[in-house]
Structure formats: structure tokens, C-alpha cells
């Protein structure tokens, strides 16, 4: 179930970043035409997703810390406040989110500015 939830989160992040890139296609094309570096274009596409994922991770960490007392009764062999488990879960989610946002960002950095500026 956790892997399914992680896959759905990655798919959602991918979709949101892809939608954002599609909405700002002309802006990205103009930035590339004016000499923006590939790293800057990719960072501009990944940064909003990173902010949202970071805020969600923080909210989830706070919620898990507050609700952990109810989980102690169903967990065996690990504490609900186990820092290693929390850090590993957050790191795994961050890596998956970064990977899901990288593909649309990579596509954004390869936009042909001439074609984009001629459109419409």
C-alpha cells in the first residue's frame, strides 16, 4: 500500500509540474531565446514543486508526531517516534518527488524558442 501511495504521489507531482510547464511554454521559450541557462530553466520548473512537497512533508511530519500516540498500539518492534524511520520516509518521498519533477523540467529546458515564439 505504501508503494502504491508513493507511485500515486509521484504521478500527481509529475502531472502538476507538466501542467505548469505547458502553461508557461511561451515564457520558457522566451527565456531560452534571451539566453537562460538549462539549469535555470529546470530550476524554475522544479522549484514550485519542491516548495509544495517541502510544505507537505513538514505538515505530515508534524501530524505524524502529534498522532503517534494512537499508532503505538498497532506498531510492533518500532516506536512511532523513531527518528530513523521518519527521516528515511521523508528522504524517500523527497527523492521520488525530485525524480517526478525532473522529467517535465528536462523537457522544459529543451523547448525550441523559435517554434514557441512563432506559435499563436
Protein backbone atom coordinates (compact mmCIF):
# COMPACT_ATOMS: atom_id res chain seq x y z
CA UNK A 1 0.00 0.00 0.00
CA UNK A 2 2.85 2.37 0.77
CA UNK A 3 4.41 1.77 -2.65
CA UNK A 4 1.07 2.41 -4.32
CA UNK A 5 0.68 5.66 -2.38
CA UNK A 6 4.23 6.67 -3.33
CA UNK A 7 3.56 5.90 -7.00
CA UNK A 8 0.35 7.95 -6.92
CA UNK A 9 2.19 10.85 -5.29
CA UNK A 10 4.90 10.70 -7.96
CA UNK A 11 2.28 10.61 -10.71
CA UNK A 12 0.49 13.60 -9.21
CA UNK A 13 3.69 15.62 -8.88
CA UNK A 14 4.64 14.73 -12.45
CA UNK A 15 1.24 15.84 -13.70
CA UNK A 16 1.27 19.14 -11.84
CA UNK A 17 4.79 20.04 -12.96
CA UNK A 18 3.98 19.03 -16.55
CA UNK A 19 0.86 21.21 -16.48
CA UNK A 20 2.86 24.14 -15.13
CA UNK A 21 5.46 23.73 -17.86
CA UNK A 22 2.76 23.57 -20.53
CA UNK A 23 1.12 26.74 -19.17
CA UNK A 24 4.39 28.68 -19.24
CA UNK A 25 5.70 27.32 -22.53
CA UNK A 26 5.92 30.76 -24.17
CA UNK A 27 7.67 32.25 -21.15
CA UNK A 28 10.18 29.40 -21.09
CA UNK A 29 10.78 29.78 -24.83
CA UNK A 30 11.37 33.50 -24.39
CA UNK A 31 13.79 32.90 -21.51
CA UNK A 32 15.74 30.40 -23.59
CA UNK A 33 15.79 32.81 -26.55
CA UNK A 34 17.19 35.50 -24.29
CA UNK A 35 19.98 33.21 -23.11
CA UNK A 36 18.74 31.46 -19.98
CA UNK A 37 20.87 28.51 -18.94
CA UNK A 38 19.44 24.99 -18.92
CA UNK A 39 19.94 24.80 -15.15
CA UNK A 40 17.91 27.98 -14.61
CA UNK A 41 15.02 26.71 -16.74
CA UNK A 42 15.00 23.36 -14.95
CA UNK A 43 15.19 25.01 -11.54
CA UNK A 44 12.30 27.29 -12.45
CA UNK A 45 10.17 24.25 -13.26
CA UNK A 46 11.21 22.18 -10.22
CA UNK A 47 11.20 24.93 -7.56
CA UNK A 48 7.39 25.27 -7.18
CA UNK A 49 7.03 21.50 -6.82
CA UNK A 50 9.83 21.46 -4.27
CA UNK A 51 8.15 24.15 -2.20
CA UNK A 52 4.83 22.31 -2.18
CA UNK A 53 6.46 18.95 -1.42
CA UNK A 54 8.53 20.52 1.37
CA UNK A 55 5.45 22.10 2.94
CA UNK A 56 3.57 18.81 2.67
CA UNK A 57 6.45 16.91 4.22
CA UNK A 58 6.61 19.36 7.11
CA UNK A 59 2.85 19.16 7.68
CA UNK A 60 2.99 15.36 7.52
CA UNK A 61 5.88 15.26 9.97
CA UNK A 62 4.02 17.47 12.44
CA UNK A 63 0.82 15.44 12.03
CA UNK A 64 2.64 12.14 12.48
CA UNK A 65 4.35 13.44 15.59
CA UNK A 66 1.05 14.61 17.08
CA UNK A 67 -0.90 11.47 16.17
CA UNK A 68 1.84 8.97 17.06
CA UNK A 69 0.36 8.04 20.43
CA UNK A 70 -2.52 6.29 18.69
CA UNK A 71 -0.14 4.37 16.45
CA UNK A 72 1.96 2.93 19.27
CA UNK A 73 -0.69 0.31 19.96
CA UNK A 74 -0.51 -1.17 16.43
CA UNK A 75 3.25 -0.92 15.80
CA UNK A 76 5.49 -3.82 16.73
CA UNK A 77 9.27 -3.53 17.00
CA UNK A 78 9.43 0.18 16.21
CA UNK A 79 8.33 3.30 18.01
CA UNK A 80 6.01 5.81 16.38
CA UNK A 81 8.60 8.49 17.20
CA UNK A 82 11.52 6.57 15.66
CA UNK A 83 13.67 9.29 14.06
CA UNK A 84 15.40 6.92 11.62
CA UNK A 85 12.08 5.76 10.22
CA UNK A 86 10.79 9.32 9.87
CA UNK A 87 13.98 10.56 8.19
CA UNK A 88 14.12 7.60 5.81
CA UNK A 89 10.47 8.05 4.87
CA UNK A 90 10.92 11.77 4.23
CA UNK A 91 14.12 11.19 2.26
CA UNK A 92 12.42 8.55 0.12
CA UNK A 93 9.50 10.84 -0.59
CA UNK A 94 11.83 13.71 -1.44
CA UNK A 95 13.85 11.60 -3.89
CA UNK A 96 10.69 10.33 -5.61
CA UNK A 97 9.27 13.86 -5.80
CA UNK A 98 12.52 15.19 -7.27
CA UNK A 99 12.60 12.40 -9.84
CA UNK A 100 8.95 13.02 -10.78
CA UNK A 101 9.58 16.75 -11.27
CA UNK A 102 12.82 16.31 -13.21
CA UNK A 103 11.35 14.83 -16.41
CA UNK A 104 8.98 17.74 -17.14
CA UNK A 105 11.73 20.17 -16.16
CA UNK A 106 14.11 18.48 -18.58
CA UNK A 107 11.51 18.77 -21.32
CA UNK A 108 11.09 22.44 -20.48
CA UNK A 109 14.80 23.03 -20.93
CA UNK A 110 14.67 21.53 -24.42
CA UNK A 111 11.90 23.77 -25.75
CA UNK A 112 12.76 25.25 -29.14
CA UNK A 113 12.44 29.01 -28.68
CA UNK A 114 11.83 29.75 -32.37
CA UNK A 115 8.91 27.33 -32.61
CA UNK A 116 7.45 28.52 -29.34
CA UNK A 117 7.65 32.21 -30.23
CA UNK A 118 6.11 31.59 -33.70
CA UNK A 119 3.10 29.81 -32.18
CA UNK A 120 -0.15 31.76 -31.77
